[in-house]
Each structure stands twice: as structure tokens, then as C-alpha cells.
Protein backbone atom coordinates (compact mmCIF):
# COMPACT_ATOMS: atom_id res chain seq x y z
CA MET A 1 80.79 108.46 113.64
CA ALA A 2 83.84 106.85 112.08
CA ARG A 3 84.70 107.79 108.52
CA LEU A 4 86.26 105.18 106.31
CA ILE A 5 88.84 106.36 103.83
CA ALA A 6 89.64 104.17 100.85
CA LYS A 7 93.36 103.59 100.42
CA SER A 8 95.25 101.76 97.74
CA PRO A 9 97.09 98.59 98.87
CA LEU A 10 100.51 100.26 98.68
CA ALA A 11 99.52 103.71 99.99
CA GLY A 12 102.32 105.19 102.09
CA LEU A 13 104.72 102.36 101.22
CA VAL A 14 105.87 103.50 97.78
CA PRO A 15 107.46 105.05 95.83
CA VAL A 16 110.83 103.77 97.01
CA GLU A 17 114.20 104.16 95.29
CA VAL A 18 117.14 101.98 96.28
CA GLY A 19 120.40 101.68 94.36
CA GLY A 20 118.85 102.65 91.02
CA LEU A 21 115.82 100.42 91.54
CA THR A 22 112.36 102.01 91.73
CA LEU A 23 109.35 100.48 93.45
CA SER A 24 105.99 101.99 92.53
CA GLU A 25 102.33 101.06 92.69
CA VAL A 26 100.41 99.95 89.61
CA GLU A 27 96.85 101.22 89.38
CA THR A 28 94.93 98.27 87.96
CA GLY A 29 91.45 99.70 87.55
CA PRO A 30 88.69 97.09 87.72
CA VAL A 31 89.93 93.52 88.22
CA THR A 32 87.82 90.47 87.42
CA SER A 33 88.69 86.82 87.82
CA VAL A 34 87.43 84.81 84.83
CA ALA A 35 87.23 81.02 85.02
CA PRO A 36 85.50 79.31 82.08
CA PHE A 37 83.38 76.27 82.89
CA LYS A 38 84.44 72.91 81.51
CA GLY A 39 84.18 72.89 77.71
CA LYS A 40 83.51 76.65 77.52
CA GLN A 41 87.10 77.95 77.19
CA THR A 42 86.81 78.84 73.48
CA ALA A 43 83.39 80.47 73.80
CA VAL A 44 84.45 82.52 76.81
CA SER A 45 87.67 83.56 75.07
CA LYS A 46 85.65 84.80 72.07
CA ALA A 47 83.19 86.65 74.32
CA LEU A 48 86.07 88.23 76.24
CA LYS A 49 87.71 89.29 72.98
CA ALA A 50 84.45 90.89 71.84
CA ALA A 51 84.11 92.71 75.18
CA VAL A 52 87.65 94.06 75.71
CA GLY A 53 89.69 93.04 72.67
CA LEU A 54 91.58 90.28 74.52
CA GLY A 55 90.85 86.58 74.71
CA MET A 56 91.87 84.22 77.49
CA PRO A 57 95.67 84.40 77.76
CA LYS A 58 97.89 81.45 76.97
CA VAL A 59 99.58 79.64 79.85
CA GLY A 60 102.25 81.85 81.39
CA ARG A 61 101.34 84.95 79.38
CA MET A 62 99.96 88.44 79.91
CA ASP A 63 98.26 90.15 76.98
CA ARG A 64 97.57 93.87 76.77
CA LYS A 65 95.37 96.07 74.62
CA GLY A 66 95.19 99.71 75.63
CA GLU A 67 94.43 99.85 79.34
CA ALA A 68 93.01 96.32 79.43
CA ARG A 69 95.18 93.36 80.41
CA ALA A 70 94.47 89.65 80.62
CA LEU A 71 96.84 87.87 82.99
CA TRP A 72 97.13 84.09 83.21
CA VAL A 73 96.95 83.17 86.91
CA GLY A 74 96.48 79.44 86.83
CA ARG A 75 94.95 76.57 84.95
CA GLY A 76 91.82 77.81 83.19
CA ARG A 77 91.83 81.12 85.03
CA ALA A 78 92.71 84.71 84.15
CA LEU A 79 92.54 88.11 85.78
CA VAL A 80 91.25 90.85 83.51
CA MET A 81 92.47 94.24 84.67
CA GLY A 82 91.72 97.75 83.52
CA ALA A 83 88.34 97.02 81.93
CA ALA A 84 84.87 96.42 83.32
CA LEU A 85 83.46 93.14 82.02
CA PRO A 86 79.91 92.24 81.10
CA ASP A 87 78.59 88.88 82.28
CA LEU A 88 80.36 86.23 80.20
CA GLU A 89 78.13 83.23 79.56
CA GLY A 90 79.94 80.04 80.44
CA ALA A 91 82.33 81.50 83.01
CA ALA A 92 82.52 82.13 86.71
CA GLN A 93 83.43 85.77 87.30
CA THR A 94 84.48 87.35 90.56
CA ASP A 95 85.27 91.01 91.21
CA GLN A 96 88.81 91.16 92.60
CA THR A 97 89.22 94.95 92.50
CA GLY A 98 91.34 96.05 95.46
CA ALA A 99 92.12 92.49 96.56
CA ASN A 100 95.72 92.55 95.37
CA ALA A 101 98.73 94.84 95.58
CA VAL A 102 100.59 95.26 92.29
CA LEU A 103 104.14 96.56 92.63
CA ARG A 104 106.22 97.71 89.66
CA VAL A 105 109.90 96.97 90.19
CA GLU A 106 112.25 98.51 87.65
CA GLY A 107 115.85 99.44 87.16
CA PRO A 108 119.11 98.09 85.79
CA ALA A 109 119.59 95.59 88.64
CA VAL A 110 116.00 94.30 88.73
CA GLU A 111 116.94 90.75 87.72
CA ALA A 112 119.68 90.55 90.36
CA VAL A 113 117.32 91.84 93.04
CA LEU A 114 114.47 89.48 92.18
CA ALA A 115 116.92 86.55 91.86
CA ARG A 116 117.38 86.81 95.65
CA LEU A 117 113.65 86.23 96.22
CA VAL A 118 112.16 84.36 93.27
CA PRO A 119 113.06 80.72 92.42
CA LEU A 120 112.80 81.28 88.65
CA ASP A 121 115.20 82.24 85.90
CA LEU A 122 114.04 85.80 85.23
CA ARG A 123 116.69 86.67 82.66
CA ALA A 124 115.15 88.14 79.50
CA THR A 125 116.22 85.12 77.44
CA ALA A 126 114.21 82.76 79.66
CA PHE A 127 111.45 85.13 80.79
CA PRO A 128 110.64 87.65 78.00
CA VAL A 129 108.28 90.63 78.12
CA GLY A 130 104.71 89.40 78.59
CA GLN A 131 105.80 86.24 80.43
CA THR A 132 104.10 85.66 83.77
CA ALA A 133 104.32 82.99 86.46
CA ARG A 134 102.64 82.12 89.72
CA THR A 135 105.56 81.59 92.06
CA MET A 136 107.00 82.41 95.43
CA VAL A 137 108.52 85.79 96.21
CA ALA A 138 110.41 85.15 99.43
CA HIS A 139 107.67 83.33 101.40
CA MET A 140 104.65 84.82 99.60
CA MET A 141 102.66 83.40 96.71
CA ALA A 142 102.71 85.94 93.88
CA SER A 143 102.32 86.56 90.19
CA VAL A 144 105.50 87.87 88.60
CA THR A 145 105.22 89.41 85.13
CA ARG A 146 107.93 90.95 82.96
CA VAL A 147 106.50 94.19 81.56
CA GLY A 148 109.68 95.73 80.12
CA ASP A 149 113.35 95.07 79.49
CA ALA A 150 114.19 96.07 83.07
CA ALA A 151 110.74 96.09 84.64
CA PHE A 152 108.50 93.57 86.40
CA GLU A 153 105.12 93.70 88.08
CA VAL A 154 104.72 91.62 91.22
CA MET A 155 101.20 90.97 92.48
CA VAL A 156 100.43 89.64 95.95
CA MET A 157 97.37 89.60 98.18
CA ARG A 158 96.66 93.03 99.60
CA SER A 159 97.53 91.87 103.11
CA MET A 160 101.10 91.10 101.95
CA ALA A 161 101.81 94.58 100.49
CA GLN A 162 104.01 95.81 103.31
CA THR A 163 105.99 92.57 103.43
CA LEU A 164 106.52 92.65 99.66
CA VAL A 165 107.92 96.19 99.74
CA HIS A 166 110.11 95.31 102.73
CA ASP A 167 111.52 92.14 101.16
CA ILE A 168 112.21 93.64 97.73
CA GLY A 169 113.63 96.80 99.32
CA GLY A 170 115.95 94.67 101.47
CA ALA A 171 117.13 92.68 98.46
CA ALA A 172 117.70 95.92 96.55
CA LYS A 173 119.83 97.28 99.41
CA ALA A 174 121.90 94.08 99.45
CA VAL A 175 122.50 94.25 95.69
CA ALA A 176 123.37 97.96 95.89
CA ALA A 177 125.81 97.27 98.76
CA ARG A 178 127.42 94.44 96.79
CA ASP A 179 128.02 96.81 93.88
CA LEU A 180 129.77 99.29 96.21
CA VAL A 181 132.44 96.78 97.26
């Protein structure tokens, strides 16, 4: 009889270090998609705040309280990570645990590396800590969130994990080679 072994999306792919840049996996804990029904945004935000201490995030923002995070992922939709949610009246909820790979990319050249793959201005003046965007990373749809002065989290569908590590690793090698010249 076959035995199934649960593996994280980035198992065996990270950690990776290239030219001072570190790629590592983010353990998200439970992940729930929350989409309030029409006219229920305020009520759902209050219920969410009562449940985990965080309301629905503003457009383009990620809010954090302890281990719980609320990440804006599109119009009227958030992913709540790191906290199990009760049923929220007035919202569609879907368990997304394990559906995405979340890669932490950090180091002094992180902006230069991501600039090769992401069509956004990720400089700290334009994209401060807590800012998030749904955008392309190379050819993949992703959520990119600044989590520190020189750190980002990039989230893609689980099936894109290997490609994400490959593409960011390749960009990191190119930036490191450029700095050697």
C-alpha cells in the first residue's frame, strides 16, 4: 500500500543563498480566503477583528497581529493566515491551507533582484513595509509583500514553487555577477 507523505510546497527547494540573498520558506499555518458578500464588508471586518484581532485589510495592505496576518489579495477579498477562523456570517470562506507557496526573499540586493522579475517599483519609498500587490513575477501571477527593509514575501500557487525559486535564484545570480564586474 502506498504511503502519502505531506510535504510543504517548497520542501527540498530552499533554503538557497545567492550573492547575499536568502530564499526561505514561510510557514503560514492555516490559510482562509475571506470574501464578504455585497454590503457585508463592515460587518465581516468587525467579526474578523473580534475573531483574530484584525479586520479586512485596506487595498494593497497586509496587517499583522501576533502570528495572524490579513493579506489583501484582490477587490473585496483577503487571505487570513496563521489563525483558524470561525464561520463569519456574511462572507464566503474557503480553506486555502497548503494551496500556495510563500517564499521569503531577503538581503541587501533584494530590490535589484526583484526588479528583474516584477513590473512594479519596489523601492521602499514607493512600496513600504506592509504594502502588498497582486502582480506578475516573471510569467507567474503572485502576491508580493514587503515584510522588512530588505525582505519580501512572494506567494504563488503551489504548482509554481519550483519555477519561482528557479527564476528568483537566476535573477539573484545575475545581480551577484553584475556586482563582481
